Amino acid sequence: MTTFNEHPEKVFRVRDLHEHLGLPTDEPSINVTRSRLGRLIRQGFLEQPGRGRYQKRT
């Protein structure tokens, strides 16, 4: 959430988010993050302006 708060207008793809945070970009790690981002969307913290893209809800 910190990254989304620091860049509220930026739209991130999961792989870009991993690279920005210095996290591994292997498929299992990306799937875990994708699942967590989905949870944040359902909780109303993020929005999904396009398939595979995530942004802070404004």
N, C-alpha and C. Protein backbone atom coordinates (compact mmCIF):
# COMPACT_ATOMS: atom_id res chain seq x y z
N MET A 1 0.83 -1.19 0.00
CA MET A 1 0.00 0.00 0.00
C MET A 1 0.87 1.25 0.00
N THR A 2 2.05 1.19 0.60
CA THR A 2 2.92 2.36 0.66
C THR A 2 3.27 2.84 -0.75
N THR A 3 3.58 1.92 -1.64
CA THR A 3 3.92 2.30 -3.00
C THR A 3 2.75 2.97 -3.69
N PHE A 4 1.55 2.45 -3.48
CA PHE A 4 0.36 3.06 -4.08
C PHE A 4 0.09 4.43 -3.47
N ASN A 5 0.35 4.60 -2.18
CA ASN A 5 0.17 5.90 -1.54
C ASN A 5 1.19 6.92 -2.03
N GLU A 6 2.41 6.48 -2.30
CA GLU A 6 3.46 7.38 -2.79
C GLU A 6 3.22 7.79 -4.24
N HIS A 7 2.56 6.93 -5.01
CA HIS A 7 2.28 7.19 -6.43
C HIS A 7 0.79 6.99 -6.70
N PRO A 8 -0.09 7.86 -6.16
CA PRO A 8 -1.53 7.61 -6.24
C PRO A 8 -2.10 7.62 -7.66
N GLU A 9 -1.48 8.31 -8.59
CA GLU A 9 -2.02 8.37 -9.94
C GLU A 9 -1.44 7.30 -10.87
N LYS A 10 -0.39 6.62 -10.42
CA LYS A 10 0.29 5.64 -11.28
C LYS A 10 -0.47 4.32 -11.29
N VAL A 11 -0.52 3.73 -12.46
CA VAL A 11 -1.14 2.42 -12.64
C VAL A 11 0.00 1.40 -12.72
N PHE A 12 -0.05 0.39 -11.86
CA PHE A 12 1.00 -0.62 -11.80
C PHE A 12 0.50 -1.94 -12.36
N ARG A 13 1.38 -2.63 -13.05
CA ARG A 13 1.20 -4.05 -13.35
C ARG A 13 1.92 -4.80 -12.25
N VAL A 14 1.56 -6.04 -12.00
CA VAL A 14 2.16 -6.79 -10.90
C VAL A 14 3.67 -6.92 -11.08
N ARG A 15 4.12 -7.23 -12.28
CA ARG A 15 5.55 -7.39 -12.52
C ARG A 15 6.29 -6.08 -12.29
N ASP A 16 5.71 -4.96 -12.72
CA ASP A 16 6.32 -3.65 -12.49
C ASP A 16 6.40 -3.34 -11.01
N LEU A 17 5.36 -3.69 -10.27
CA LEU A 17 5.33 -3.47 -8.83
C LEU A 17 6.43 -4.28 -8.15
N HIS A 18 6.61 -5.53 -8.58
CA HIS A 18 7.67 -6.37 -8.02
C HIS A 18 9.05 -5.77 -8.31
N GLU A 19 9.26 -5.30 -9.52
CA GLU A 19 10.55 -4.70 -9.87
C GLU A 19 10.78 -3.42 -9.05
N HIS A 20 9.75 -2.62 -8.89
CA HIS A 20 9.85 -1.38 -8.11
C HIS A 20 10.23 -1.66 -6.66
N LEU A 21 9.68 -2.75 -6.10
CA LEU A 21 9.92 -3.10 -4.71
C LEU A 21 11.14 -4.00 -4.52
N GLY A 22 11.74 -4.44 -5.61
CA GLY A 22 12.90 -5.32 -5.51
C GLY A 22 12.54 -6.74 -5.11
N LEU A 23 11.32 -7.16 -5.42
CA LEU A 23 10.86 -8.50 -5.11
C LEU A 23 11.16 -9.44 -6.27
N PRO A 24 11.21 -10.75 -6.03
CA PRO A 24 11.44 -11.70 -7.12
C PRO A 24 10.30 -11.65 -8.14
N THR A 25 10.65 -11.85 -9.40
CA THR A 25 9.65 -11.77 -10.46
C THR A 25 9.28 -13.15 -11.01
N ASP A 26 9.50 -14.20 -10.21
CA ASP A 26 9.09 -15.53 -10.66
C ASP A 26 7.57 -15.65 -10.56
N GLU A 27 7.02 -16.55 -11.33
CA GLU A 27 5.56 -16.67 -11.45
C GLU A 27 4.85 -16.96 -10.12
N PRO A 28 5.37 -17.86 -9.26
CA PRO A 28 4.67 -18.09 -7.99
C PRO A 28 4.59 -16.83 -7.12
N SER A 29 5.65 -16.04 -7.08
CA SER A 29 5.65 -14.81 -6.28
C SER A 29 4.65 -13.81 -6.84
N ILE A 30 4.60 -13.70 -8.14
CA ILE A 30 3.67 -12.77 -8.79
C ILE A 30 2.23 -13.20 -8.54
N ASN A 31 1.96 -14.50 -8.55
CA ASN A 31 0.59 -14.98 -8.29
C ASN A 31 0.15 -14.67 -6.87
N VAL A 32 1.05 -14.76 -5.90
CA VAL A 32 0.73 -14.41 -4.52
C VAL A 32 0.37 -12.93 -4.44
N THR A 33 1.17 -12.09 -5.07
CA THR A 33 0.91 -10.64 -5.06
C THR A 33 -0.40 -10.33 -5.76
N ARG A 34 -0.67 -10.99 -6.86
CA ARG A 34 -1.92 -10.78 -7.59
C ARG A 34 -3.12 -11.11 -6.71
N SER A 35 -3.00 -12.17 -5.94
CA SER A 35 -4.06 -12.55 -5.01
C SER A 35 -4.25 -11.48 -3.94
N ARG A 36 -3.15 -10.98 -3.39
CA ARG A 36 -3.24 -9.93 -2.36
C ARG A 36 -3.83 -8.64 -2.92
N LEU A 37 -3.46 -8.30 -4.14
CA LEU A 37 -4.01 -7.10 -4.76
C LEU A 37 -5.51 -7.26 -4.98
N GLY A 38 -5.94 -8.46 -5.36
CA GLY A 38 -7.37 -8.73 -5.51
C GLY A 38 -8.13 -8.52 -4.22
N ARG A 39 -7.51 -8.92 -3.10
CA ARG A 39 -8.12 -8.72 -1.80
C ARG A 39 -8.25 -7.22 -1.50
N LEU A 40 -7.21 -6.45 -1.83
CA LEU A 40 -7.25 -5.00 -1.60
C LEU A 40 -8.30 -4.32 -2.47
N ILE A 41 -8.55 -4.87 -3.65
CA ILE A 41 -9.62 -4.34 -4.52
C ILE A 41 -10.97 -4.60 -3.86
N ARG A 42 -11.17 -5.82 -3.39
CA ARG A 42 -12.46 -6.17 -2.75
C ARG A 42 -12.69 -5.35 -1.48
N GLN A 43 -11.62 -4.97 -0.78
CA GLN A 43 -11.74 -4.17 0.42
C GLN A 43 -11.91 -2.68 0.12
N GLY A 44 -11.73 -2.30 -1.15
CA GLY A 44 -11.97 -0.92 -1.55
C GLY A 44 -10.76 0.00 -1.50
N PHE A 45 -9.56 -0.55 -1.27
CA PHE A 45 -8.36 0.28 -1.22
C PHE A 45 -7.79 0.57 -2.60
N LEU A 46 -7.94 -0.38 -3.52
CA LEU A 46 -7.40 -0.24 -4.87
C LEU A 46 -8.52 -0.39 -5.88
N GLU A 47 -8.23 0.02 -7.10
CA GLU A 47 -9.15 -0.22 -8.21
C GLU A 47 -8.37 -0.84 -9.35
N GLN A 48 -9.08 -1.42 -10.28
CA GLN A 48 -8.46 -2.09 -11.41
C GLN A 48 -8.94 -1.42 -12.70
N PRO A 49 -8.17 -0.41 -13.19
CA PRO A 49 -8.60 0.32 -14.36
C PRO A 49 -8.52 -0.47 -15.67
N GLY A 50 -7.87 -1.60 -15.64
CA GLY A 50 -7.76 -2.46 -16.80
C GLY A 50 -7.30 -3.83 -16.35
N ARG A 51 -7.39 -4.80 -17.23
CA ARG A 51 -7.00 -6.15 -16.85
C ARG A 51 -5.51 -6.18 -16.49
N GLY A 52 -5.20 -6.66 -15.30
CA GLY A 52 -3.82 -6.79 -14.85
C GLY A 52 -3.19 -5.49 -14.40
N ARG A 53 -3.99 -4.44 -14.23
CA ARG A 53 -3.46 -3.15 -13.81
C ARG A 53 -4.14 -2.73 -12.50
N TYR A 54 -3.35 -2.13 -11.63
CA TYR A 54 -3.84 -1.79 -10.29
C TYR A 54 -3.47 -0.36 -9.97
N GLN A 55 -4.38 0.34 -9.29
CA GLN A 55 -4.18 1.75 -8.97
C GLN A 55 -4.88 2.04 -7.64
N LYS A 56 -4.34 3.02 -6.92
CA LYS A 56 -4.97 3.44 -5.67
C LYS A 56 -6.33 4.05 -5.99
N ARG A 57 -7.31 3.68 -5.21
CA ARG A 57 -8.66 4.21 -5.40
C ARG A 57 -8.68 5.68 -4.98
N THR A 58 -9.22 6.52 -5.82
CA THR A 58 -9.27 7.96 -5.51
C THR A 58 -10.65 8.41 -5.17
